[in-house]
């Protein structure tokens, strides 16, 4: 009963992680955040693997998911430090875009209540764009805090997945050990009846006189 309850909870957690990962992937694509895009891609694959292992009673797959859950927590801690400018990191750098483009978080211009203001180029300035971005005003919440909320949610769900994955692996292992102990996997039964070969049964018996 405990293993079944743990499996059902872990299946729910993995499904929730898939939904959250897909939602995050969409916004990271809109912001051209290449490092988070790759991280989300691997996260989706491992979560699917863990979900399959949970459904099919494959503890090795669940162990892989457990290790990834710990790495996923570490990654999201890094993202939080990046957007909060902790440890020499700067949210204005192009670290998450691999310096390929100057794009930043999609929420920096499209957050709740944000108004993007543009003005024509100054005379004599030649650029490929007809308008120059000036500023974003009126945001109800700064974009870095939205990213921090996303990462904090990922950490919370990943920690729950880590705990329940460890519990499910332990429960499945105990069930396999107990089944093996009672002879479930023993090719030779505990009570083996020795049967005489058929040619002994057909051989006539002679009584000595």
N, C-alpha and C. Protein backbone atom coordinates (compact mmCIF):
# COMPACT_ATOMS: atom_id res chain seq x y z
N UNK A 1 0.83 -1.21 0.00
CA UNK A 1 0.00 0.00 0.00
C UNK A 1 0.86 1.25 0.00
N UNK A 2 1.96 1.23 0.83
CA UNK A 2 2.82 2.40 0.90
C UNK A 2 3.52 2.67 -0.41
N UNK A 3 3.99 1.59 -1.05
CA UNK A 3 4.66 1.74 -2.34
C UNK A 3 3.71 2.27 -3.39
N UNK A 4 2.48 1.76 -3.40
CA UNK A 4 1.49 2.23 -4.38
C UNK A 4 1.18 3.71 -4.18
N UNK A 5 1.01 4.11 -2.93
CA UNK A 5 0.75 5.52 -2.64
C UNK A 5 1.92 6.40 -3.06
N UNK A 6 3.14 5.94 -2.77
CA UNK A 6 4.33 6.70 -3.16
C UNK A 6 4.47 6.79 -4.67
N UNK A 7 4.18 5.70 -5.38
CA UNK A 7 4.26 5.70 -6.83
C UNK A 7 3.24 6.67 -7.42
N UNK A 8 2.04 6.65 -6.90
CA UNK A 8 1.00 7.55 -7.42
C UNK A 8 1.40 9.01 -7.21
N UNK A 9 1.97 9.29 -6.04
CA UNK A 9 2.41 10.67 -5.76
C UNK A 9 3.55 11.07 -6.68
N UNK A 10 4.51 10.16 -6.90
CA UNK A 10 5.64 10.46 -7.77
C UNK A 10 5.18 10.65 -9.21
N UNK A 11 4.21 9.86 -9.66
CA UNK A 11 3.66 10.04 -11.00
C UNK A 11 3.03 11.43 -11.14
N UNK A 12 2.30 11.85 -10.11
CA UNK A 12 1.70 13.18 -10.14
C UNK A 12 2.78 14.27 -10.18
N UNK A 13 3.84 14.09 -9.38
CA UNK A 13 4.92 15.09 -9.33
C UNK A 13 5.61 15.17 -10.69
N UNK A 14 5.91 14.03 -11.30
CA UNK A 14 6.56 14.04 -12.61
C UNK A 14 5.68 14.70 -13.67
N UNK A 15 4.38 14.43 -13.61
CA UNK A 15 3.46 15.07 -14.56
C UNK A 15 3.44 16.58 -14.36
N UNK A 16 3.42 17.01 -13.10
CA UNK A 16 3.45 18.45 -12.81
C UNK A 16 4.76 19.07 -13.29
N UNK A 17 5.87 18.36 -13.11
CA UNK A 17 7.16 18.87 -13.59
C UNK A 17 7.17 19.03 -15.10
N UNK A 18 6.56 18.10 -15.81
CA UNK A 18 6.50 18.21 -17.28
C UNK A 18 5.73 19.46 -17.69
N UNK A 19 4.61 19.71 -17.04
CA UNK A 19 3.81 20.89 -17.38
C UNK A 19 4.60 22.16 -17.09
N UNK A 20 5.24 22.23 -15.93
CA UNK A 20 6.01 23.42 -15.57
C UNK A 20 7.22 23.60 -16.48
N UNK A 21 7.85 22.50 -16.86
CA UNK A 21 9.02 22.59 -17.75
C UNK A 21 8.62 23.07 -19.14
N UNK A 22 7.51 22.58 -19.66
CA UNK A 22 7.05 23.03 -20.97
C UNK A 22 6.67 24.51 -20.94
N UNK A 23 6.02 24.94 -19.86
CA UNK A 23 5.67 26.36 -19.73
C UNK A 23 6.92 27.22 -19.68
N UNK A 24 7.90 26.79 -18.94
CA UNK A 24 9.14 27.55 -18.83
C UNK A 24 9.91 27.55 -20.15
N UNK A 25 9.86 26.43 -20.85
CA UNK A 25 10.57 26.34 -22.12
C UNK A 25 10.02 27.33 -23.13
N UNK A 26 8.72 27.51 -23.14
CA UNK A 26 8.10 28.46 -24.07
C UNK A 26 8.64 29.86 -23.85
N UNK A 27 8.67 30.32 -22.60
CA UNK A 27 9.11 31.68 -22.31
C UNK A 27 10.62 31.83 -22.50
N UNK A 28 11.39 30.76 -22.27
CA UNK A 28 12.83 30.85 -22.52
C UNK A 28 13.10 30.92 -24.02
N UNK A 29 12.29 30.25 -24.83
CA UNK A 29 12.42 30.37 -26.27
C UNK A 29 12.10 31.79 -26.74
N UNK A 30 11.08 32.38 -26.15
CA UNK A 30 10.71 33.75 -26.53
C UNK A 30 11.81 34.74 -26.16
N UNK A 31 12.56 34.45 -25.12
CA UNK A 31 13.64 35.34 -24.70
C UNK A 31 15.00 34.95 -25.25
N UNK A 32 15.06 33.90 -26.09
CA UNK A 32 16.32 33.41 -26.66
C UNK A 32 17.35 33.11 -25.58
N UNK A 33 16.88 32.49 -24.49
CA UNK A 33 17.77 32.11 -23.40
C UNK A 33 18.27 30.69 -23.69
N UNK A 34 19.43 30.60 -24.37
CA UNK A 34 19.86 29.30 -24.90
C UNK A 34 20.27 28.34 -23.80
N UNK A 35 20.95 28.80 -22.77
CA UNK A 35 21.35 27.90 -21.69
C UNK A 35 20.14 27.30 -20.97
N UNK A 36 19.15 28.11 -20.57
CA UNK A 36 17.95 27.51 -19.97
C UNK A 36 17.18 26.61 -20.93
N UNK A 37 17.21 26.92 -22.24
CA UNK A 37 16.52 26.08 -23.21
C UNK A 37 17.12 24.68 -23.22
N UNK A 38 18.46 24.59 -23.23
CA UNK A 38 19.12 23.28 -23.19
C UNK A 38 18.85 22.56 -21.87
N UNK A 39 18.91 23.31 -20.78
CA UNK A 39 18.66 22.70 -19.47
C UNK A 39 17.23 22.17 -19.39
N UNK A 40 16.28 22.94 -19.88
CA UNK A 40 14.89 22.48 -19.88
C UNK A 40 14.70 21.26 -20.75
N UNK A 41 15.42 21.21 -21.87
CA UNK A 41 15.30 20.06 -22.77
C UNK A 41 15.75 18.78 -22.08
N UNK A 42 16.91 18.81 -21.43
CA UNK A 42 17.38 17.63 -20.71
C UNK A 42 16.45 17.31 -19.53
N UNK A 43 15.93 18.34 -18.90
CA UNK A 43 15.02 18.13 -17.77
C UNK A 43 13.77 17.38 -18.23
N UNK A 44 13.21 17.76 -19.35
CA UNK A 44 12.01 17.10 -19.86
C UNK A 44 12.29 15.64 -20.16
N UNK A 45 13.45 15.34 -20.76
CA UNK A 45 13.80 13.95 -21.09
C UNK A 45 13.93 13.11 -19.83
N UNK A 46 14.64 13.63 -18.82
CA UNK A 46 14.87 12.86 -17.60
C UNK A 46 13.57 12.67 -16.82
N UNK A 47 12.72 13.67 -16.81
CA UNK A 47 11.44 13.54 -16.12
C UNK A 47 10.57 12.47 -16.79
N UNK A 48 10.57 12.44 -18.12
CA UNK A 48 9.83 11.39 -18.83
C UNK A 48 10.42 10.02 -18.50
N UNK A 49 11.74 9.94 -18.42
CA UNK A 49 12.39 8.69 -18.04
C UNK A 49 11.99 8.25 -16.63
N UNK A 50 11.98 9.21 -15.70
CA UNK A 50 11.56 8.89 -14.34
C UNK A 50 10.10 8.49 -14.27
N UNK A 51 9.27 9.13 -15.06
CA UNK A 51 7.85 8.77 -15.10
C UNK A 51 7.66 7.35 -15.64
N UNK A 52 8.40 7.02 -16.68
CA UNK A 52 8.34 5.66 -17.23
C UNK A 52 8.82 4.64 -16.21
N UNK A 53 9.92 4.95 -15.54
CA UNK A 53 10.45 4.03 -14.54
C UNK A 53 9.51 3.82 -13.37
N UNK A 54 8.80 4.87 -12.99
CA UNK A 54 7.84 4.75 -11.90
C UNK A 54 6.66 3.88 -12.29
N UNK A 55 6.17 4.06 -13.50
CA UNK A 55 5.02 3.28 -13.96
C UNK A 55 5.38 1.82 -14.17
N UNK A 56 6.59 1.57 -14.71
CA UNK A 56 7.00 0.22 -15.06
C UNK A 56 7.84 -0.47 -13.98
N UNK A 57 7.92 0.10 -12.81
CA UNK A 57 8.71 -0.49 -11.71
C UNK A 57 10.16 -0.70 -12.14
N UNK A 58 10.79 0.35 -12.67
CA UNK A 58 12.20 0.30 -13.06
C UNK A 58 13.01 1.20 -12.13
N UNK A 59 13.56 0.64 -11.05
CA UNK A 59 14.26 1.48 -10.07
C UNK A 59 15.48 2.19 -10.64
N UNK A 60 16.14 1.60 -11.65
CA UNK A 60 17.32 2.25 -12.21
C UNK A 60 16.95 3.57 -12.88
N UNK A 61 15.85 3.60 -13.59
CA UNK A 61 15.41 4.84 -14.21
C UNK A 61 15.04 5.88 -13.14
N UNK A 62 14.44 5.40 -12.06
CA UNK A 62 14.07 6.33 -10.99
C UNK A 62 15.33 6.89 -10.32
N UNK A 63 16.37 6.07 -10.21
CA UNK A 63 17.63 6.55 -9.63
C UNK A 63 18.24 7.64 -10.50
N UNK A 64 18.19 7.45 -11.83
CA UNK A 64 18.68 8.50 -12.74
C UNK A 64 17.89 9.78 -12.54
N UNK A 65 16.58 9.65 -12.41
CA UNK A 65 15.73 10.82 -12.15
C UNK A 65 16.10 11.48 -10.82
N UNK A 66 16.41 10.67 -9.81
CA UNK A 66 16.77 11.22 -8.49
C UNK A 66 18.05 12.04 -8.56
N UNK A 67 19.05 11.51 -9.26
CA UNK A 67 20.31 12.25 -9.41
C UNK A 67 20.08 13.55 -10.17
N UNK A 68 19.27 13.49 -11.22
CA UNK A 68 18.99 14.70 -11.99
C UNK A 68 18.21 15.72 -11.16
N UNK A 69 17.32 15.25 -10.29
CA UNK A 69 16.56 16.18 -9.44
C UNK A 69 17.50 17.01 -8.58
N UNK A 70 18.56 16.38 -8.07
CA UNK A 70 19.54 17.13 -7.27
C UNK A 70 20.28 18.15 -8.14
N UNK A 71 20.66 17.75 -9.36
CA UNK A 71 21.33 18.68 -10.28
C UNK A 71 20.39 19.80 -10.70
N UNK A 72 19.11 19.48 -10.87
CA UNK A 72 18.13 20.49 -11.27
C UNK A 72 17.95 21.54 -10.18
N UNK A 73 17.98 21.11 -8.95
CA UNK A 73 17.91 22.06 -7.83
C UNK A 73 19.12 23.00 -7.87
N UNK A 74 20.30 22.42 -8.09
CA UNK A 74 21.52 23.24 -8.15
C UNK A 74 21.46 24.25 -9.30
N UNK A 75 20.94 23.81 -10.46
CA UNK A 75 20.83 24.71 -11.62
C UNK A 75 19.90 25.88 -11.31
N UNK A 76 18.77 25.60 -10.70
CA UNK A 76 17.82 26.67 -10.40
C UNK A 76 18.32 27.60 -9.30
N UNK A 77 19.13 27.09 -8.40
CA UNK A 77 19.78 27.97 -7.42
C UNK A 77 20.71 28.94 -8.15
N UNK A 78 21.44 28.41 -9.15
CA UNK A 78 22.31 29.27 -9.95
C UNK A 78 21.51 30.35 -10.68
N UNK A 79 20.37 29.97 -11.25
CA UNK A 79 19.53 30.94 -11.97
C UNK A 79 19.04 32.02 -11.02
N UNK A 80 18.66 31.64 -9.81
CA UNK A 80 18.21 32.63 -8.82
C UNK A 80 19.34 33.59 -8.49
N UNK A 81 20.54 33.05 -8.28
CA UNK A 81 21.70 33.91 -7.99
C UNK A 81 22.02 34.82 -9.17
N UNK A 82 21.81 34.31 -10.40
CA UNK A 82 22.08 35.11 -11.59
C UNK A 82 21.16 36.32 -11.66
N UNK A 83 19.87 36.12 -11.45
CA UNK A 83 18.92 37.22 -11.57
C UNK A 83 18.92 38.15 -10.36
N UNK A 84 19.45 37.69 -9.24
CA UNK A 84 19.55 38.56 -8.06
C UNK A 84 20.94 39.17 -7.91
N UNK A 85 21.81 38.95 -8.92
CA UNK A 85 23.16 39.52 -8.92
C UNK A 85 23.95 39.08 -7.69
N UNK A 86 23.89 37.79 -7.40
CA UNK A 86 24.60 37.25 -6.23
C UNK A 86 25.90 36.60 -6.70
N UNK A 87 26.97 36.80 -5.91
CA UNK A 87 28.24 36.15 -6.20
C UNK A 87 28.93 36.64 -7.45
N UNK A 88 28.82 37.90 -7.75
CA UNK A 88 29.48 38.45 -8.92
C UNK A 88 28.74 38.24 -10.22
N UNK A 89 27.59 37.58 -10.18
CA UNK A 89 26.78 37.39 -11.38
C UNK A 89 25.97 38.65 -11.67
N UNK A 90 25.61 38.84 -12.93
CA UNK A 90 24.83 40.01 -13.32
C UNK A 90 23.73 39.60 -14.29
N UNK A 91 22.52 40.00 -13.97
CA UNK A 91 21.38 39.68 -14.84
C UNK A 91 21.45 40.42 -16.17
N UNK A 92 22.29 41.45 -16.26
CA UNK A 92 22.42 42.20 -17.51
C UNK A 92 23.44 41.59 -18.46
N UNK A 93 24.14 40.54 -18.03
CA UNK A 93 25.14 39.91 -18.90
C UNK A 93 24.45 38.96 -19.88
N UNK A 94 25.22 38.52 -20.86
CA UNK A 94 24.70 37.60 -21.88
C UNK A 94 25.11 36.16 -21.58
N UNK A 95 25.27 35.83 -20.31
CA UNK A 95 25.74 34.50 -19.93
C UNK A 95 24.75 33.42 -20.33
N UNK A 96 23.48 33.67 -20.11
CA UNK A 96 22.47 32.65 -20.42
C UNK A 96 22.18 32.53 -21.91
N UNK A 97 22.63 33.48 -22.70
CA UNK A 97 22.45 33.40 -24.15
C UNK A 97 23.73 32.98 -24.86
N UNK A 98 24.76 32.55 -24.09
CA UNK A 98 26.05 32.13 -24.63
C UNK A 98 26.72 33.23 -25.47
N UNK A 99 26.37 34.49 -25.16
CA UNK A 99 26.93 35.64 -25.88
C UNK A 99 26.63 35.59 -27.38
N UNK A 100 25.61 34.84 -27.75
CA UNK A 100 25.21 34.77 -29.16
C UNK A 100 24.36 35.97 -29.53
N UNK A 101 23.50 36.40 -28.62
CA UNK A 101 22.63 37.53 -28.87
C UNK A 101 22.53 38.37 -27.62
N UNK A 102 21.96 39.55 -27.78
CA UNK A 102 21.82 40.48 -26.66
C UNK A 102 20.44 40.38 -26.02
N UNK A 103 19.71 39.31 -26.30
CA UNK A 103 18.38 39.16 -25.74
C UNK A 103 18.46 38.82 -24.26
N UNK A 104 17.39 39.13 -23.56
CA UNK A 104 17.29 38.82 -22.13
C UNK A 104 15.94 38.16 -21.88
N UNK A 105 15.61 38.04 -20.64
CA UNK A 105 14.36 37.37 -20.28
C UNK A 105 13.17 38.01 -20.99
N UNK A 106 12.27 37.18 -21.48
CA UNK A 106 11.07 37.67 -22.15
C UNK A 106 10.25 38.55 -21.22
N UNK A 107 10.31 38.26 -19.93
CA UNK A 107 9.52 39.02 -18.97
C UNK A 107 10.06 40.44 -18.76
N UNK A 108 11.27 40.72 -19.22
CA UNK A 108 11.83 42.07 -19.02
C UNK A 108 11.04 43.13 -19.79
N UNK A 109 10.35 42.74 -20.86
CA UNK A 109 9.57 43.69 -21.64
C UNK A 109 8.08 43.36 -21.66
N UNK A 110 7.72 42.16 -21.20
CA UNK A 110 6.32 41.75 -21.31
C UNK A 110 5.76 41.28 -19.97
N UNK A 111 6.30 41.79 -18.90
CA UNK A 111 5.81 41.43 -17.59
C UNK A 111 4.43 42.02 -17.33
N UNK A 112 3.80 41.61 -16.23
CA UNK A 112 2.47 42.14 -15.91
C UNK A 112 2.49 43.65 -15.71
N UNK A 113 1.69 44.36 -16.50
CA UNK A 113 1.59 45.81 -16.38
C UNK A 113 2.68 46.60 -17.09
N UNK A 114 3.62 45.92 -17.72
CA UNK A 114 4.74 46.62 -18.35
C UNK A 114 4.29 47.33 -19.64
N UNK A 115 4.80 48.54 -19.83
CA UNK A 115 4.53 49.34 -21.03
C UNK A 115 5.86 49.65 -21.69
N UNK A 116 6.01 49.20 -22.91
CA UNK A 116 7.26 49.41 -23.66
C UNK A 116 7.17 50.70 -24.44
N UNK A 117 8.14 51.58 -24.24
CA UNK A 117 8.15 52.89 -24.91
C UNK A 117 9.31 52.94 -25.89
N UNK A 118 9.00 53.40 -27.11
CA UNK A 118 10.00 53.55 -28.15
C UNK A 118 9.93 54.96 -28.72
N UNK A 119 11.01 55.38 -29.32
CA UNK A 119 11.04 56.70 -29.96
C UNK A 119 11.88 56.60 -31.22
N UNK A 120 11.65 57.49 -32.19
CA UNK A 120 12.44 57.44 -33.43
C UNK A 120 13.92 57.65 -33.15
N UNK A 121 14.73 57.18 -34.10
CA UNK A 121 16.16 57.36 -33.98
C UNK A 121 16.53 58.84 -34.04
N UNK A 122 17.58 59.16 -33.33
CA UNK A 122 18.08 60.53 -33.37
C UNK A 122 18.65 60.83 -34.76
N UNK A 123 18.59 62.09 -35.18
CA UNK A 123 19.12 62.43 -36.52
C UNK A 123 20.61 62.09 -36.62
N UNK A 124 20.98 61.51 -37.74
CA UNK A 124 22.38 61.18 -37.98
C UNK A 124 22.78 59.81 -37.49
N UNK A 125 21.88 59.11 -36.81
CA UNK A 125 22.21 57.76 -36.31
C UNK A 125 21.63 56.75 -37.28
N UNK A 126 22.48 55.89 -37.82
CA UNK A 126 22.07 54.91 -38.80
C UNK A 126 22.11 53.51 -38.17
N UNK A 127 20.96 52.89 -38.16
CA UNK A 127 20.85 51.52 -37.66
C UNK A 127 19.93 50.75 -38.58
N UNK A 128 19.90 49.47 -38.43
CA UNK A 128 19.04 48.64 -39.26
C UNK A 128 17.59 48.70 -38.79
N UNK A 129 17.33 49.23 -37.59
CA UNK A 129 15.99 49.32 -37.07
C UNK A 129 15.49 50.76 -37.18
N UNK A 130 14.20 50.89 -37.39
CA UNK A 130 13.63 52.21 -37.55
C UNK A 130 13.28 52.86 -36.21
N UNK A 131 13.23 52.07 -35.15
CA UNK A 131 12.92 52.60 -33.84
C UNK A 131 13.98 52.15 -32.85
N UNK A 132 14.16 52.93 -31.83
CA UNK A 132 15.12 52.61 -30.79
C UNK A 132 14.38 52.38 -29.48
N UNK A 133 14.66 51.26 -28.85
CA UNK A 133 14.03 50.93 -27.59
C UNK A 133 14.57 51.85 -26.49
N UNK A 134 13.68 52.44 -25.71
CA UNK A 134 14.09 53.36 -24.66
C UNK A 134 13.97 52.73 -23.27
N UNK A 135 12.77 52.41 -22.87
CA UNK A 135 12.59 51.90 -21.52
C UNK A 135 11.27 51.15 -21.40
N UNK A 136 11.14 50.45 -20.30
CA UNK A 136 9.90 49.75 -19.96
C UNK A 136 9.44 50.28 -18.62
N UNK A 137 8.18 50.70 -18.57
CA UNK A 137 7.67 51.34 -17.36
C UNK A 137 6.35 50.69 -16.94
N UNK A 138 6.00 50.92 -15.69
CA UNK A 138 4.70 50.50 -15.17
C UNK A 138 4.58 49.03 -14.81
N UNK A 139 5.70 48.30 -14.72
CA UNK A 139 5.64 46.88 -14.40
C UNK A 139 5.19 46.67 -12.96
N UNK A 140 4.24 45.79 -12.79
CA UNK A 140 3.78 45.47 -11.44
C UNK A 140 4.82 44.67 -10.68
N UNK A 141 5.66 43.93 -11.39
CA UNK A 141 6.73 43.15 -10.77
C UNK A 141 7.91 43.11 -11.72
N UNK A 142 9.10 43.38 -11.21
CA UNK A 142 10.30 43.33 -12.04
C UNK A 142 10.52 41.91 -12.56
N UNK A 143 11.08 41.86 -13.76
CA UNK A 143 11.21 40.56 -14.42
C UNK A 143 12.11 39.59 -13.67
N UNK A 144 13.13 40.11 -12.96
CA UNK A 144 14.02 39.20 -12.25
C UNK A 144 13.31 38.45 -11.14
N UNK A 145 12.31 39.08 -10.54
CA UNK A 145 11.56 38.40 -9.49
C UNK A 145 10.61 37.35 -10.07
N UNK A 146 10.14 37.59 -11.30
CA UNK A 146 9.32 36.56 -11.96
C UNK A 146 10.18 35.33 -12.25
N UNK A 147 11.41 35.56 -12.72
CA UNK A 147 12.31 34.44 -12.98
C UNK A 147 12.66 33.71 -11.68
N UNK A 148 12.84 34.46 -10.61
CA UNK A 148 13.14 33.85 -9.31
C UNK A 148 11.97 32.99 -8.84
N UNK A 149 10.74 33.48 -9.07
CA UNK A 149 9.56 32.70 -8.70
C UNK A 149 9.48 31.40 -9.51
N UNK A 150 9.80 31.49 -10.79
CA UNK A 150 9.82 30.28 -11.62
C UNK A 150 10.83 29.27 -11.08
N UNK A 151 12.04 29.73 -10.81
CA UNK A 151 13.08 28.83 -10.33
C UNK A 151 12.74 28.28 -8.94
N UNK A 152 12.15 29.10 -8.08
CA UNK A 152 11.78 28.63 -6.74
C UNK A 152 10.73 27.53 -6.83
N UNK A 153 9.77 27.69 -7.75
CA UNK A 153 8.77 26.65 -7.95
C UNK A 153 9.40 25.36 -8.44
N UNK A 154 10.36 25.48 -9.37
CA UNK A 154 11.06 24.31 -9.87
C UNK A 154 11.83 23.61 -8.75
N UNK A 155 12.45 24.39 -7.87
CA UNK A 155 13.20 23.80 -6.76
C UNK A 155 12.27 23.05 -5.82
N UNK A 156 11.13 23.64 -5.49
CA UNK A 156 10.19 23.02 -4.57
C UNK A 156 9.68 21.68 -5.13
N UNK A 157 9.28 21.68 -6.40
CA UNK A 157 8.75 20.46 -6.99
C UNK A 157 9.86 19.41 -7.14
N UNK A 158 11.08 19.85 -7.49
CA UNK A 158 12.19 18.92 -7.64
C UNK A 158 12.55 18.27 -6.30
N UNK A 159 12.50 19.03 -5.22
CA UNK A 159 12.78 18.46 -3.90
C UNK A 159 11.74 17.42 -3.52
N UNK A 160 10.47 17.71 -3.81
CA UNK A 160 9.42 16.72 -3.55
C UNK A 160 9.65 15.46 -4.39
N UNK A 161 10.00 15.66 -5.65
CA UNK A 161 10.28 14.52 -6.51
C UNK A 161 11.47 13.71 -6.01
N UNK A 162 12.50 14.39 -5.52
CA UNK A 162 13.68 13.70 -5.00
C UNK A 162 13.32 12.83 -3.80
N UNK A 163 12.54 13.39 -2.87
CA UNK A 163 12.15 12.65 -1.66
C UNK A 163 11.31 11.43 -2.01
N UNK A 164 10.30 11.62 -2.84
CA UNK A 164 9.41 10.51 -3.18
C UNK A 164 10.11 9.49 -4.07
N UNK A 165 11.05 9.93 -4.90
CA UNK A 165 11.80 8.98 -5.73
C UNK A 165 12.65 8.07 -4.85
N UNK A 166 13.30 8.65 -3.85
CA UNK A 166 14.09 7.83 -2.91
C UNK A 166 13.19 6.84 -2.18
N UNK A 167 12.00 7.28 -1.79
CA UNK A 167 11.07 6.40 -1.08
C UNK A 167 10.60 5.27 -1.99
N UNK A 168 10.26 5.58 -3.23
CA UNK A 168 9.77 4.56 -4.16
C UNK A 168 10.86 3.55 -4.48
N UNK A 169 12.09 4.00 -4.69
CA UNK A 169 13.19 3.08 -4.96
C UNK A 169 13.41 2.15 -3.77
N UNK A 170 13.36 2.71 -2.56
CA UNK A 170 13.52 1.90 -1.36
C UNK A 170 12.40 0.88 -1.23
N UNK A 171 11.17 1.29 -1.49
CA UNK A 171 10.02 0.39 -1.37
C UNK A 171 10.08 -0.73 -2.41
N UNK A 172 10.44 -0.38 -3.66
CA UNK A 172 10.52 -1.40 -4.70
C UNK A 172 11.64 -2.39 -4.39
N UNK A 173 12.77 -1.89 -3.90
CA UNK A 173 13.88 -2.78 -3.55
C UNK A 173 13.51 -3.73 -2.42
N UNK A 174 12.81 -3.22 -1.41
CA UNK A 174 12.38 -4.08 -0.31
C UNK A 174 11.40 -5.14 -0.78
N UNK A 175 10.49 -4.78 -1.69
CA UNK A 175 9.54 -5.76 -2.20
C UNK A 175 10.26 -6.84 -3.00
N UNK A 176 11.24 -6.46 -3.81
CA UNK A 176 11.99 -7.45 -4.57
C UNK A 176 12.79 -8.36 -3.66
N UNK A 177 13.40 -7.81 -2.61
CA UNK A 177 14.18 -8.62 -1.68
C UNK A 177 13.29 -9.60 -0.93
N UNK A 178 12.12 -9.13 -0.49
CA UNK A 178 11.21 -10.01 0.24
C UNK A 178 10.66 -11.10 -0.67
N UNK A 179 10.40 -10.79 -1.92
CA UNK A 179 9.90 -11.78 -2.87
C UNK A 179 10.97 -12.82 -3.17
N UNK A 180 12.22 -12.36 -3.24
CA UNK A 180 13.33 -13.27 -3.48
C UNK A 180 13.56 -14.16 -2.26
N UNK A 181 13.31 -13.63 -1.07
CA UNK A 181 13.55 -14.38 0.17
C UNK A 181 12.61 -15.57 0.29
N UNK A 182 11.38 -15.42 -0.16
CA UNK A 182 10.43 -16.51 -0.04
C UNK A 182 10.50 -17.47 -1.22
N UNK A 183 11.49 -17.26 -2.10
CA UNK A 183 11.69 -18.18 -3.21
C UNK A 183 11.02 -17.78 -4.48
N UNK A 184 10.65 -16.51 -4.60
CA UNK A 184 9.96 -16.07 -5.80
C UNK A 184 10.82 -16.15 -7.03
N UNK A 185 12.14 -15.90 -6.87
CA UNK A 185 13.03 -15.95 -8.02
C UNK A 185 13.95 -17.17 -7.97
N UNK A 186 13.71 -18.10 -7.05
CA UNK A 186 14.55 -19.27 -6.91
C UNK A 186 14.15 -20.31 -7.96
N UNK A 187 15.09 -20.69 -8.84
CA UNK A 187 14.71 -21.67 -9.87
C UNK A 187 14.41 -23.05 -9.29
N UNK A 188 14.90 -23.31 -8.06
CA UNK A 188 14.64 -24.59 -7.41
C UNK A 188 13.71 -24.35 -6.25
N UNK A 189 12.50 -24.91 -6.28
CA UNK A 189 11.55 -24.68 -5.20
C UNK A 189 12.09 -25.19 -3.87
N UNK A 190 11.52 -24.61 -2.79
CA UNK A 190 11.95 -24.98 -1.45
C UNK A 190 11.60 -26.43 -1.16
N UNK A 191 10.43 -26.83 -1.57
CA UNK A 191 9.99 -28.21 -1.37
C UNK A 191 10.05 -28.91 -2.72
N UNK A 192 11.14 -29.63 -2.94
CA UNK A 192 11.35 -30.29 -4.24
C UNK A 192 11.07 -31.77 -4.09
N UNK A 193 10.18 -32.28 -4.90
CA UNK A 193 9.81 -33.68 -4.85
C UNK A 193 10.63 -34.43 -5.88
N UNK A 194 11.41 -35.38 -5.40
CA UNK A 194 12.22 -36.18 -6.31
C UNK A 194 11.36 -37.27 -6.93
N UNK A 195 11.22 -37.21 -8.22
CA UNK A 195 10.44 -38.19 -8.93
C UNK A 195 11.36 -39.20 -9.58
N UNK A 196 10.97 -40.45 -9.55
CA UNK A 196 11.77 -41.50 -10.16
C UNK A 196 11.63 -41.43 -11.66
N UNK A 197 12.68 -41.73 -12.36
CA UNK A 197 12.58 -41.76 -13.82
C UNK A 197 11.61 -42.82 -14.27
N UNK A 198 11.08 -42.61 -15.45
CA UNK A 198 10.04 -43.50 -15.95
C UNK A 198 10.54 -44.92 -16.16
N UNK A 199 11.85 -45.09 -16.50
CA UNK A 199 12.33 -46.44 -16.77
C UNK A 199 12.44 -47.25 -15.50
N UNK A 200 12.59 -46.59 -14.33
CA UNK A 200 12.58 -47.32 -13.06
C UNK A 200 11.17 -47.78 -12.73
N UNK A 201 10.18 -47.00 -13.13
CA UNK A 201 8.81 -47.39 -12.86
C UNK A 201 8.39 -48.60 -13.69
N UNK A 202 8.96 -48.73 -14.88
CA UNK A 202 8.58 -49.81 -15.77
C UNK A 202 9.38 -51.08 -15.52
N UNK A 203 10.44 -50.99 -14.74
CA UNK A 203 11.29 -52.15 -14.50
C UNK A 203 10.60 -53.12 -13.57
N UNK A 204 10.47 -54.43 -13.90
CA UNK A 204 9.79 -55.41 -13.02
C UNK A 204 10.59 -55.64 -11.75
N UNK A 205 9.90 -55.91 -10.71
CA UNK A 205 10.51 -56.14 -9.41
C UNK A 205 10.61 -57.62 -9.15
N UNK A 206 11.78 -58.10 -8.71
CA UNK A 206 12.01 -59.50 -8.41
C UNK A 206 12.20 -59.66 -6.93
N UNK A 207 11.44 -60.58 -6.36
CA UNK A 207 11.54 -60.83 -4.94
C UNK A 207 12.52 -61.96 -4.70
N UNK A 208 13.45 -61.75 -3.81
CA UNK A 208 14.43 -62.79 -3.49
C UNK A 208 13.80 -63.84 -2.59
N UNK A 209 14.12 -65.07 -2.83
CA UNK A 209 13.56 -66.15 -2.03
C UNK A 209 14.62 -66.71 -1.11
